[in-house]
Amino acid sequence: MKRAIVITLTAAAMWAAASVDLSAQALTGSPAMFHMAPSNLYPDPSLTPGEADTIDPADIQKRWPCPRGANKGKKVCTYSQAHRNVRPADRDAVYAGYDRLYPGLSDYCHALDVPKANRKRFTSGRGQRCEVDHFCPVGGGCSNSARNLWIQRADTTYNGQPMGFHQKDDLEAWGIAQVKAGNLTPEEFDRRIWSDWVSYYLEVRPGHSNVSN
């Protein structure tokens, strides 16, 4: 009888451990070994495998207390508004990492090739050349950590079609809306983004969105 109890308890412990491992795996990126598009359209998997902070739909759907000073004094925010916080030092570190892979990328993104008075038009607004992108979006429960940040250009293309950060933003806005509506789980959305976001974009063909991710 004691042996049966020990076996049962051991099995329960193993099941619990497996559940924790599965949960941990769901929070960690798993980029595909092969992508349909050239490598410069994706983050480097060694620098940016992807990482989520939550895969609970309830976290993403509910409203959160706004950070101090955010959204013009609003008290209640979306998950993204409440959790988006990349420190300048982290941004600099991400730029440094990707500049080692693509020498000159940081200078290009910061428009150092144009007169200082004209740089703003290339670093913000419609003409922005690059963004420090969350591999999977904060609005879908994903992290601000360096494991989920990369430098994405606006001008990359695939088969003659624009495929830069504007297109990825549209995919993210679509996916977050699907998650909030209960049509897609955060796990599935993250997995598809991490695996091959270009393939996912071409599959769902999201419309343009002005919604913040």
Foldseek 3Di string as FASTA:
>chain_A
DVVVVVVVVVVVVVVVVVVVVVQQVLFWADAAPDEPFDPLLADDCVFARFGFQDQDLVLLQDWDAADPPPPNPDGTHGQQRRADDADPVLVVVQVVVVCVVVPPPVCVQQVVVDDPVPRVCCCDDPNRFKDFDQLQGSSLRTDSHSNRTHIWTQADADPPHGRTPQLLQQVNVVVSVCSNVVNDGSSVSSHCSSHYSVVVCVVVVGDGDPDGD
